[in-house]
Amino acid sequence: MWDPVVRVLHWALVLAFATAWGLGKFGPAQMTLHFYAGYTVAAIVTLRVIWGLIGPRTARFTSFVKGPRAIAAYARRLPNRAPSRTWGHNPVGALFVVGVLAVLAMQVLSGLFSDPEDYINVGPLAKYVSYETTQRALALHEPLSTLLLIMVAIHIGAIVFYRRWKGEDLVTPMITGRR
């Protein structure tokens, strides 16, 4: 169901985001490592977008991103105890994937352009934009990390919901590639 590239990128993103978030909380002394973890997140997001355009069927956005009607229809069926029987992402999950990738991209960009005025932890692209832009980027960076943590909690909650309510194991396929 999930090809090796999707699985590796998923688990690499788990590690890179957790590392970036954790190191960001430790303060200025850990910022170089935070930057590297952020660069890793940027690479993973970029690779996932590329893979979503050229990868196999279950990885391609065109095969799982659906319109508003399909999303609403699937959402209405969510309370049913029956397994979803979708191959790959369901319409609601697809919307979530796109949302997570978009917020991750905004998080990376805000970090690249941030300037906390400590002359040490300046994003590498901050020198190319106005001071006001660096401050807007900085003001976005922390709230975006909080939003991403909320999204992680929703993702884990959905996994638990599918396992307990619908009897679907979503974790094993993300490890083995098979349902």
N, C-alpha and C. Protein backbone atom coordinates (compact mmCIF):
# COMPACT_ATOMS: atom_id res chain seq x y z
N MET A 1 0.83 -1.19 0.00
CA MET A 1 0.00 0.00 0.00
C MET A 1 0.87 1.25 0.00
N TRP A 2 1.79 1.35 0.96
CA TRP A 2 2.70 2.51 0.98
C TRP A 2 4.05 2.07 0.46
N ASP A 3 4.55 2.81 -0.51
CA ASP A 3 5.85 2.47 -1.07
C ASP A 3 6.96 2.87 -0.09
N PRO A 4 8.17 2.32 -0.28
CA PRO A 4 9.26 2.61 0.65
C PRO A 4 9.59 4.09 0.78
N VAL A 5 9.49 4.85 -0.29
CA VAL A 5 9.82 6.28 -0.21
C VAL A 5 8.86 7.00 0.72
N VAL A 6 7.56 6.75 0.58
CA VAL A 6 6.58 7.39 1.46
C VAL A 6 6.84 7.01 2.91
N ARG A 7 7.11 5.73 3.15
CA ARG A 7 7.34 5.27 4.53
C ARG A 7 8.60 5.90 5.13
N VAL A 8 9.69 5.89 4.38
CA VAL A 8 10.94 6.47 4.89
C VAL A 8 10.77 7.96 5.14
N LEU A 9 10.13 8.67 4.20
CA LEU A 9 9.93 10.11 4.40
C LEU A 9 9.04 10.39 5.60
N HIS A 10 8.01 9.57 5.80
CA HIS A 10 7.12 9.76 6.96
C HIS A 10 7.90 9.65 8.27
N TRP A 11 8.65 8.56 8.43
CA TRP A 11 9.36 8.35 9.69
C TRP A 11 10.54 9.31 9.84
N ALA A 12 11.17 9.68 8.74
CA ALA A 12 12.24 10.69 8.80
C ALA A 12 11.67 12.03 9.23
N LEU A 13 10.47 12.35 8.75
CA LEU A 13 9.82 13.60 9.16
C LEU A 13 9.48 13.58 10.64
N VAL A 14 9.02 12.45 11.14
CA VAL A 14 8.75 12.33 12.58
C VAL A 14 10.01 12.68 13.37
N LEU A 15 11.13 12.08 13.00
CA LEU A 15 12.39 12.33 13.72
C LEU A 15 12.88 13.76 13.52
N ALA A 16 12.85 14.26 12.30
CA ALA A 16 13.38 15.60 12.03
C ALA A 16 12.54 16.68 12.70
N PHE A 17 11.21 16.55 12.63
CA PHE A 17 10.36 17.56 13.27
C PHE A 17 10.52 17.51 14.79
N ALA A 18 10.51 16.31 15.36
CA ALA A 18 10.68 16.20 16.82
C ALA A 18 12.03 16.78 17.25
N THR A 19 13.06 16.53 16.48
CA THR A 19 14.39 17.07 16.78
C THR A 19 14.39 18.59 16.68
N ALA A 20 13.85 19.12 15.58
CA ALA A 20 13.82 20.58 15.39
C ALA A 20 13.02 21.24 16.51
N TRP A 21 11.87 20.67 16.83
CA TRP A 21 11.03 21.26 17.88
C TRP A 21 11.75 21.20 19.22
N GLY A 22 12.29 20.04 19.56
CA GLY A 22 12.98 19.89 20.84
C GLY A 22 14.18 20.82 20.97
N LEU A 23 15.00 20.88 19.94
CA LEU A 23 16.18 21.75 19.98
C LEU A 23 15.79 23.22 20.01
N GLY A 24 14.69 23.57 19.38
CA GLY A 24 14.21 24.96 19.41
C GLY A 24 13.82 25.40 20.81
N LYS A 25 13.45 24.45 21.64
CA LYS A 25 13.05 24.76 23.02
C LYS A 25 14.23 24.90 23.96
N PHE A 26 15.41 24.43 23.56
CA PHE A 26 16.57 24.47 24.44
C PHE A 26 17.32 25.78 24.41
N GLY A 27 16.96 26.67 23.52
CA GLY A 27 17.57 27.98 23.52
C GLY A 27 18.71 28.13 22.52
N PRO A 28 19.33 29.30 22.56
CA PRO A 28 20.31 29.68 21.54
C PRO A 28 21.48 28.72 21.36
N ALA A 29 21.91 28.08 22.42
CA ALA A 29 23.10 27.22 22.31
C ALA A 29 22.87 26.04 21.36
N GLN A 30 21.62 25.64 21.17
CA GLN A 30 21.30 24.49 20.33
C GLN A 30 20.79 24.87 18.95
N MET A 31 20.83 26.14 18.61
CA MET A 31 20.21 26.60 17.37
C MET A 31 20.87 26.07 16.10
N THR A 32 22.16 25.84 16.12
CA THR A 32 22.80 25.30 14.92
C THR A 32 22.20 23.94 14.59
N LEU A 33 22.04 23.11 15.61
CA LEU A 33 21.42 21.81 15.40
C LEU A 33 19.95 21.96 15.01
N HIS A 34 19.27 22.94 15.59
CA HIS A 34 17.88 23.23 15.22
C HIS A 34 17.80 23.58 13.73
N PHE A 35 18.74 24.40 13.27
CA PHE A 35 18.77 24.77 11.85
C PHE A 35 18.92 23.53 10.97
N TYR A 36 19.86 22.65 11.33
CA TYR A 36 20.08 21.44 10.53
C TYR A 36 18.84 20.55 10.51
N ALA A 37 18.18 20.44 11.65
CA ALA A 37 16.94 19.66 11.68
C ALA A 37 15.88 20.32 10.81
N GLY A 38 15.83 21.65 10.83
CA GLY A 38 14.89 22.37 9.97
C GLY A 38 15.21 22.19 8.50
N TYR A 39 16.49 22.19 8.15
CA TYR A 39 16.88 21.93 6.76
C TYR A 39 16.45 20.52 6.34
N THR A 40 16.56 19.59 7.28
CA THR A 40 16.13 18.22 7.01
C THR A 40 14.63 18.17 6.76
N VAL A 41 13.86 18.88 7.59
CA VAL A 41 12.41 18.97 7.37
C VAL A 41 12.14 19.55 5.98
N ALA A 42 12.85 20.60 5.61
CA ALA A 42 12.67 21.22 4.29
C ALA A 42 12.94 20.22 3.17
N ALA A 43 14.00 19.45 3.31
CA ALA A 43 14.33 18.45 2.29
C ALA A 43 13.25 17.38 2.20
N ILE A 44 12.76 16.93 3.35
CA ILE A 44 11.73 15.89 3.37
C ILE A 44 10.45 16.40 2.72
N VAL A 45 10.03 17.61 3.07
CA VAL A 45 8.81 18.17 2.48
C VAL A 45 8.98 18.32 0.97
N THR A 46 10.13 18.81 0.55
CA THR A 46 10.39 18.96 -0.89
C THR A 46 10.34 17.61 -1.60
N LEU A 47 11.00 16.62 -1.03
CA LEU A 47 10.99 15.28 -1.64
C LEU A 47 9.59 14.69 -1.67
N ARG A 48 8.81 14.92 -0.61
CA ARG A 48 7.44 14.36 -0.58
C ARG A 48 6.57 15.02 -1.64
N VAL A 49 6.72 16.31 -1.84
CA VAL A 49 5.95 16.99 -2.88
C VAL A 49 6.35 16.45 -4.25
N ILE A 50 7.64 16.31 -4.49
CA ILE A 50 8.10 15.76 -5.77
C ILE A 50 7.55 14.34 -5.95
N TRP A 51 7.65 13.52 -4.89
CA TRP A 51 7.16 12.15 -4.96
C TRP A 51 5.64 12.12 -5.15
N GLY A 52 4.96 13.10 -4.62
CA GLY A 52 3.52 13.20 -4.82
C GLY A 52 3.14 13.54 -6.25
N LEU A 53 4.11 13.98 -7.03
CA LEU A 53 3.87 14.29 -8.44
C LEU A 53 4.33 13.16 -9.37
N ILE A 54 5.39 12.45 -8.98
CA ILE A 54 5.97 11.45 -9.89
C ILE A 54 5.99 10.03 -9.33
N GLY A 55 5.64 9.84 -8.07
CA GLY A 55 5.73 8.53 -7.45
C GLY A 55 4.63 7.58 -7.89
N PRO A 56 4.57 6.40 -7.27
CA PRO A 56 3.53 5.43 -7.62
C PRO A 56 2.13 5.92 -7.23
N ARG A 57 1.11 5.21 -7.66
CA ARG A 57 -0.27 5.65 -7.52
C ARG A 57 -0.64 6.09 -6.10
N THR A 58 -0.35 5.30 -5.08
CA THR A 58 -0.78 5.68 -3.73
C THR A 58 -0.02 6.88 -3.19
N ALA A 59 1.12 7.21 -3.79
CA ALA A 59 1.89 8.38 -3.36
C ALA A 59 1.47 9.65 -4.07
N ARG A 60 0.84 9.51 -5.22
CA ARG A 60 0.51 10.69 -6.05
C ARG A 60 -0.69 11.45 -5.52
N PHE A 61 -0.53 12.76 -5.44
CA PHE A 61 -1.62 13.62 -4.98
C PHE A 61 -2.85 13.46 -5.86
N THR A 62 -2.65 13.27 -7.15
CA THR A 62 -3.80 13.16 -8.07
C THR A 62 -4.64 11.93 -7.79
N SER A 63 -4.08 10.92 -7.13
CA SER A 63 -4.86 9.72 -6.85
C SER A 63 -5.61 9.79 -5.53
N PHE A 64 -5.23 10.68 -4.63
CA PHE A 64 -5.94 10.69 -3.35
C PHE A 64 -6.50 12.04 -2.93
N VAL A 65 -6.08 13.13 -3.50
CA VAL A 65 -6.67 14.43 -3.15
C VAL A 65 -7.98 14.57 -3.91
N LYS A 66 -9.06 14.74 -3.15
CA LYS A 66 -10.40 14.79 -3.74
C LYS A 66 -11.01 16.17 -3.51
N GLY A 67 -12.13 16.40 -4.15
CA GLY A 67 -12.83 17.67 -4.03
C GLY A 67 -13.69 17.74 -2.79
N PRO A 68 -14.33 18.90 -2.56
CA PRO A 68 -15.14 19.12 -1.36
C PRO A 68 -16.28 18.12 -1.18
N ARG A 69 -16.93 17.72 -2.26
CA ARG A 69 -18.04 16.76 -2.14
C ARG A 69 -17.57 15.41 -1.62
N ALA A 70 -16.47 14.93 -2.16
CA ALA A 70 -15.94 13.64 -1.71
C ALA A 70 -15.48 13.71 -0.26
N ILE A 71 -14.88 14.83 0.11
CA ILE A 71 -14.44 15.01 1.50
C ILE A 71 -15.64 15.02 2.43
N ALA A 72 -16.68 15.78 2.08
CA ALA A 72 -17.89 15.86 2.91
C ALA A 72 -18.57 14.50 2.99
N ALA A 73 -18.67 13.79 1.88
CA ALA A 73 -19.31 12.47 1.87
C ALA A 73 -18.55 11.50 2.77
N TYR A 74 -17.23 11.51 2.68
CA TYR A 74 -16.43 10.62 3.53
C TYR A 74 -16.59 11.02 5.00
N ALA A 75 -16.56 12.31 5.28
CA ALA A 75 -16.70 12.79 6.67
C ALA A 75 -18.04 12.35 7.26
N ARG A 76 -19.10 12.33 6.46
CA ARG A 76 -20.41 11.88 6.97
C ARG A 76 -20.38 10.40 7.33
N ARG A 77 -19.55 9.63 6.66
CA ARG A 77 -19.45 8.19 6.94
C ARG A 77 -18.48 7.86 8.08
N LEU A 78 -17.72 8.83 8.55
CA LEU A 78 -16.73 8.56 9.60
C LEU A 78 -17.30 7.89 10.85
N PRO A 79 -18.48 8.29 11.34
CA PRO A 79 -19.00 7.65 12.55
C PRO A 79 -19.34 6.17 12.38
N ASN A 80 -19.51 5.69 11.16
CA ASN A 80 -19.81 4.27 10.94
C ASN A 80 -18.65 3.42 11.44
N ARG A 81 -18.99 2.29 12.06
CA ARG A 81 -17.94 1.42 12.59
C ARG A 81 -17.23 0.62 11.51
N ALA A 82 -17.79 0.54 10.36
CA ALA A 82 -17.19 -0.25 9.28
C ALA A 82 -15.85 0.35 8.85
N PRO A 83 -14.88 -0.51 8.57
CA PRO A 83 -13.60 0.00 8.05
C PRO A 83 -13.81 0.79 6.76
N SER A 84 -12.93 1.71 6.51
CA SER A 84 -13.11 2.61 5.36
C SER A 84 -12.84 1.94 4.03
N ARG A 85 -11.99 0.94 4.01
CA ARG A 85 -11.66 0.21 2.78
C ARG A 85 -11.04 1.08 1.69
N THR A 86 -10.43 2.18 2.07
CA THR A 86 -9.75 2.99 1.07
C THR A 86 -8.32 2.48 0.91
N TRP A 87 -7.83 2.52 -0.30
CA TRP A 87 -6.46 2.11 -0.58
C TRP A 87 -5.62 3.37 -0.57
N GLY A 88 -4.79 3.55 0.42
CA GLY A 88 -4.05 4.79 0.56
C GLY A 88 -4.83 5.77 1.43
N HIS A 89 -4.65 7.04 1.18
CA HIS A 89 -5.31 8.06 1.99
C HIS A 89 -6.78 8.20 1.61
N ASN A 90 -7.63 8.31 2.63
CA ASN A 90 -9.04 8.62 2.38
C ASN A 90 -9.14 10.13 2.11
N PRO A 91 -10.29 10.62 1.64
CA PRO A 91 -10.39 12.05 1.30
C PRO A 91 -10.09 13.01 2.45
N VAL A 92 -10.50 12.66 3.67
CA VAL A 92 -10.21 13.53 4.82
C VAL A 92 -8.72 13.46 5.16
N GLY A 93 -8.16 12.27 5.14
CA GLY A 93 -6.72 12.11 5.37
C GLY A 93 -5.89 12.84 4.33
N ALA A 94 -6.34 12.81 3.09
CA ALA A 94 -5.64 13.51 2.02
C ALA A 94 -5.62 15.01 2.26
N LEU A 95 -6.76 15.54 2.68
CA LEU A 95 -6.84 16.97 3.02
C LEU A 95 -5.85 17.30 4.14
N PHE A 96 -5.76 16.41 5.11
CA PHE A 96 -4.85 16.59 6.23
C PHE A 96 -3.39 16.55 5.76
N VAL A 97 -3.06 15.62 4.88
CA VAL A 97 -1.69 15.52 4.34
C VAL A 97 -1.29 16.83 3.67
N VAL A 98 -2.17 17.34 2.82
CA VAL A 98 -1.89 18.60 2.13
C VAL A 98 -1.73 19.73 3.14
N GLY A 99 -2.59 19.75 4.16
CA GLY A 99 -2.50 20.78 5.19
C GLY A 99 -1.20 20.71 5.97
N VAL A 100 -0.79 19.51 6.35
CA VAL A 100 0.46 19.34 7.09
C VAL A 100 1.66 19.78 6.24
N LEU A 101 1.68 19.37 4.99
CA LEU A 101 2.78 19.78 4.11
C LEU A 101 2.83 21.30 3.95
N ALA A 102 1.66 21.92 3.84
CA ALA A 102 1.61 23.39 3.69
C ALA A 102 2.11 24.08 4.95
N VAL A 103 1.66 23.61 6.12
CA VAL A 103 2.09 24.24 7.38
C VAL A 103 3.58 23.99 7.61
N LEU A 104 4.06 22.79 7.28
CA LEU A 104 5.50 22.53 7.40
C LEU A 104 6.30 23.46 6.50
N ALA A 105 5.83 23.67 5.28
CA ALA A 105 6.53 24.59 4.37
C ALA A 105 6.55 26.00 4.94
N MET A 106 5.42 26.45 5.50
CA MET A 106 5.39 27.79 6.11
C MET A 106 6.33 27.86 7.31
N GLN A 107 6.39 26.78 8.09
CA GLN A 107 7.28 26.73 9.25
C GLN A 107 8.73 26.86 8.81
N VAL A 108 9.10 26.09 7.80
CA VAL A 108 10.48 26.15 7.29
C VAL A 108 10.79 27.55 6.77
N LEU A 109 9.90 28.10 5.96
CA LEU A 109 10.14 29.44 5.41
C LEU A 109 10.25 30.49 6.50
N SER A 110 9.39 30.40 7.51
CA SER A 110 9.47 31.39 8.59
C SER A 110 10.80 31.29 9.32
N GLY A 111 11.32 30.08 9.48
CA GLY A 111 12.63 29.91 10.11
C GLY A 111 13.76 30.45 9.25
N LEU A 112 13.68 30.23 7.96
CA LEU A 112 14.74 30.69 7.06
C LEU A 112 14.84 32.21 7.02
N PHE A 113 13.73 32.91 7.25
CA PHE A 113 13.71 34.37 7.16
C PHE A 113 13.69 35.06 8.53
N SER A 114 13.70 34.32 9.62
CA SER A 114 13.60 34.91 10.96
C SER A 114 14.90 35.58 11.40
N ASP A 115 14.75 36.62 12.21
CA ASP A 115 15.90 37.29 12.83
C ASP A 115 15.51 37.67 14.25
N PRO A 116 15.94 36.86 15.23
CA PRO A 116 15.59 37.15 16.62
C PRO A 116 16.42 38.25 17.26
N GLU A 117 17.24 38.94 16.48
CA GLU A 117 18.06 40.06 16.93
C GLU A 117 19.13 39.68 17.95
N ASP A 118 19.50 38.41 18.00
CA ASP A 118 20.59 38.03 18.89
C ASP A 118 21.91 37.90 18.13
N TYR A 119 21.90 38.17 16.83
CA TYR A 119 23.07 38.14 15.96
C TYR A 119 23.70 36.76 15.84
N ILE A 120 23.06 35.76 16.40
CA ILE A 120 23.60 34.41 16.34
C ILE A 120 22.66 33.48 15.57
N ASN A 121 21.40 33.56 15.90
CA ASN A 121 20.41 32.60 15.40
C ASN A 121 19.56 33.15 14.27
N VAL A 122 20.20 33.85 13.38
CA VAL A 122 19.51 34.49 12.26
C VAL A 122 19.31 33.47 11.15
N GLY A 123 18.08 33.42 10.62
CA GLY A 123 17.82 32.55 9.48
C GLY A 123 18.71 32.93 8.31
N PRO A 124 19.16 31.97 7.52
CA PRO A 124 20.12 32.24 6.46
C PRO A 124 19.60 33.15 5.34
N LEU A 125 18.29 33.31 5.22
CA LEU A 125 17.74 34.17 4.17
C LEU A 125 17.27 35.52 4.70
N ALA A 126 17.45 35.76 5.99
CA ALA A 126 16.98 37.01 6.60
C ALA A 126 17.65 38.23 5.99
N LYS A 127 18.89 38.10 5.58
CA LYS A 127 19.62 39.25 5.04
C LYS A 127 19.07 39.71 3.69
N TYR A 128 18.23 38.91 3.06
CA TYR A 128 17.69 39.26 1.74
C TYR A 128 16.33 39.94 1.78
N VAL A 129 15.79 40.12 2.99
CA VAL A 129 14.46 40.73 3.11
C VAL A 129 14.52 41.87 4.12
N SER A 130 13.47 42.64 4.19
CA SER A 130 13.43 43.78 5.11
C SER A 130 13.37 43.31 6.56
N TYR A 131 13.73 44.21 7.45
CA TYR A 131 13.65 43.94 8.88
C TYR A 131 12.23 43.56 9.27
N GLU A 132 11.24 44.25 8.73
CA GLU A 132 9.84 43.97 9.05
C GLU A 132 9.48 42.54 8.65
N THR A 133 9.98 42.11 7.51
CA THR A 133 9.70 40.74 7.06
C THR A 133 10.33 39.72 8.00
N THR A 134 11.56 39.99 8.46
CA THR A 134 12.21 39.06 9.40
C THR A 134 11.42 38.96 10.70
N GLN A 135 10.85 40.07 11.12
CA GLN A 135 10.09 40.07 12.37
C GLN A 135 8.74 39.36 12.20
N ARG A 136 8.13 39.53 11.03
CA ARG A 136 6.88 38.79 10.76
C ARG A 136 7.16 37.29 10.71
N ALA A 137 8.26 36.92 10.08
CA ALA A 137 8.64 35.50 10.02
C ALA A 137 8.87 34.95 11.42
N LEU A 138 9.59 35.71 12.23
CA LEU A 138 9.85 35.30 13.61
C LEU A 138 8.55 35.16 14.40
N ALA A 139 7.62 36.11 14.20
CA ALA A 139 6.34 36.07 14.91
C ALA A 139 5.50 34.87 14.50
N LEU A 140 5.70 34.35 13.31
CA LEU A 140 4.96 33.18 12.83
C LEU A 140 5.57 31.86 13.28
N HIS A 141 6.87 31.84 13.48
CA HIS A 141 7.59 30.59 13.67
C HIS A 141 7.08 29.80 14.89
N GLU A 142 6.96 30.42 16.02
CA GLU A 142 6.50 29.72 17.23
C GLU A 142 5.04 29.27 17.12
N PRO A 143 4.11 30.14 16.71
CA PRO A 143 2.72 29.66 16.57
C PRO A 143 2.57 28.53 15.55
N LEU A 144 3.36 28.56 14.49
CA LEU A 144 3.30 27.47 13.52
C LEU A 144 3.77 26.16 14.13
N SER A 145 4.78 26.22 15.01
CA SER A 145 5.23 24.98 15.66
C SER A 145 4.14 24.45 16.58
N THR A 146 3.41 25.35 17.24
CA THR A 146 2.29 24.92 18.08
C THR A 146 1.19 24.30 17.22
N LEU A 147 0.88 24.92 16.10
CA LEU A 147 -0.12 24.37 15.18
C LEU A 147 0.31 22.98 14.70
N LEU A 148 1.58 22.81 14.41
CA LEU A 148 2.06 21.49 13.97
C LEU A 148 1.93 20.46 15.08
N LEU A 149 2.18 20.85 16.32
CA LEU A 149 1.99 19.91 17.44
C LEU A 149 0.52 19.51 17.55
N ILE A 150 -0.38 20.46 17.36
CA ILE A 150 -1.82 20.15 17.37
C ILE A 150 -2.14 19.18 16.24
N MET A 151 -1.55 19.41 15.07
CA MET A 151 -1.78 18.52 13.93
C MET A 151 -1.23 17.12 14.21
N VAL A 152 -0.10 17.03 14.88
CA VAL A 152 0.44 15.72 15.27
C VAL A 152 -0.54 15.02 16.20
N ALA A 153 -1.08 15.75 17.17
CA ALA A 153 -2.05 15.16 18.10
C ALA A 153 -3.30 14.68 17.36
N ILE A 154 -3.78 15.47 16.41
CA ILE A 154 -4.94 15.05 15.60
C ILE A 154 -4.60 13.79 14.81
N HIS A 155 -3.41 13.75 14.23
CA HIS A 155 -2.97 12.59 13.45
C HIS A 155 -2.96 11.34 14.33
N ILE A 156 -2.37 11.44 15.50
CA ILE A 156 -2.31 10.30 16.42
C ILE A 156 -3.72 9.93 16.88
N GLY A 157 -4.55 10.94 17.16
CA GLY A 157 -5.94 10.68 17.54
C GLY A 157 -6.70 9.95 16.44
N ALA A 158 -6.47 10.32 15.19
CA ALA A 158 -7.13 9.64 14.07
C ALA A 158 -6.67 8.19 13.97
N ILE A 159 -5.40 7.94 14.20
CA ILE A 159 -4.88 6.57 14.17
C ILE A 159 -5.56 5.73 15.25
N VAL A 160 -5.67 6.29 16.45
CA VAL A 160 -6.34 5.58 17.55
C VAL A 160 -7.82 5.36 17.21
N PHE A 161 -8.49 6.39 16.69
CA PHE A 161 -9.90 6.28 16.30
C PHE A 161 -10.09 5.15 15.29
N TYR A 162 -9.27 5.12 14.26
CA TYR A 162 -9.42 4.08 13.24
C TYR A 162 -9.16 2.70 13.81
N ARG A 163 -8.22 2.59 14.71
CA ARG A 163 -7.91 1.29 15.31
C ARG A 163 -9.03 0.83 16.23
N ARG A 164 -9.46 1.71 17.12
CA ARG A 164 -10.45 1.32 18.14
C ARG A 164 -11.88 1.30 17.61
N TRP A 165 -12.26 2.28 16.81
CA TRP A 165 -13.65 2.40 16.37
C TRP A 165 -13.91 1.62 15.08
N LYS A 166 -12.99 1.71 14.14
CA LYS A 166 -13.22 1.10 12.84
C LYS A 166 -12.48 -0.23 12.65
N GLY A 167 -11.62 -0.57 13.61
CA GLY A 167 -10.89 -1.82 13.52
C GLY A 167 -9.83 -1.83 12.42
N GLU A 168 -9.34 -0.66 12.05
CA GLU A 168 -8.32 -0.55 11.00
C GLU A 168 -6.97 -0.20 11.61
N ASP A 169 -5.97 -0.96 11.24
CA ASP A 169 -4.60 -0.69 11.68
C ASP A 169 -3.93 0.19 10.62
N LEU A 170 -3.62 1.41 10.98
CA LEU A 170 -2.96 2.33 10.05
C LEU A 170 -1.44 2.39 10.26
N VAL A 171 -0.98 1.86 11.39
CA VAL A 171 0.45 1.95 11.71
C VAL A 171 1.26 0.88 10.97
N THR A 172 0.80 -0.36 11.01
CA THR A 172 1.54 -1.45 10.37
C THR A 172 1.82 -1.17 8.89
N PRO A 173 0.83 -0.70 8.11
CA PRO A 173 1.13 -0.39 6.71
C PRO A 173 2.20 0.70 6.54
N MET A 174 2.29 1.62 7.50
CA MET A 174 3.30 2.67 7.40
C MET A 174 4.68 2.13 7.77
N ILE A 175 4.73 0.95 8.35
CA ILE A 175 6.01 0.31 8.66
C ILE A 175 6.36 -0.72 7.59
N THR A 176 5.40 -1.57 7.25
CA THR A 176 5.68 -2.68 6.33
C THR A 176 5.34 -2.38 4.87
N GLY A 177 4.44 -1.44 4.65
CA GLY A 177 3.98 -1.15 3.30
C GLY A 177 2.78 -1.98 2.89
N ARG A 178 2.34 -2.91 3.76
CA ARG A 178 1.20 -3.78 3.45
C ARG A 178 0.12 -3.64 4.50
N ARG A 179 -1.12 -3.82 4.06
CA ARG A 179 -2.27 -3.82 5.00
C ARG A 179 -2.35 -5.12 5.72
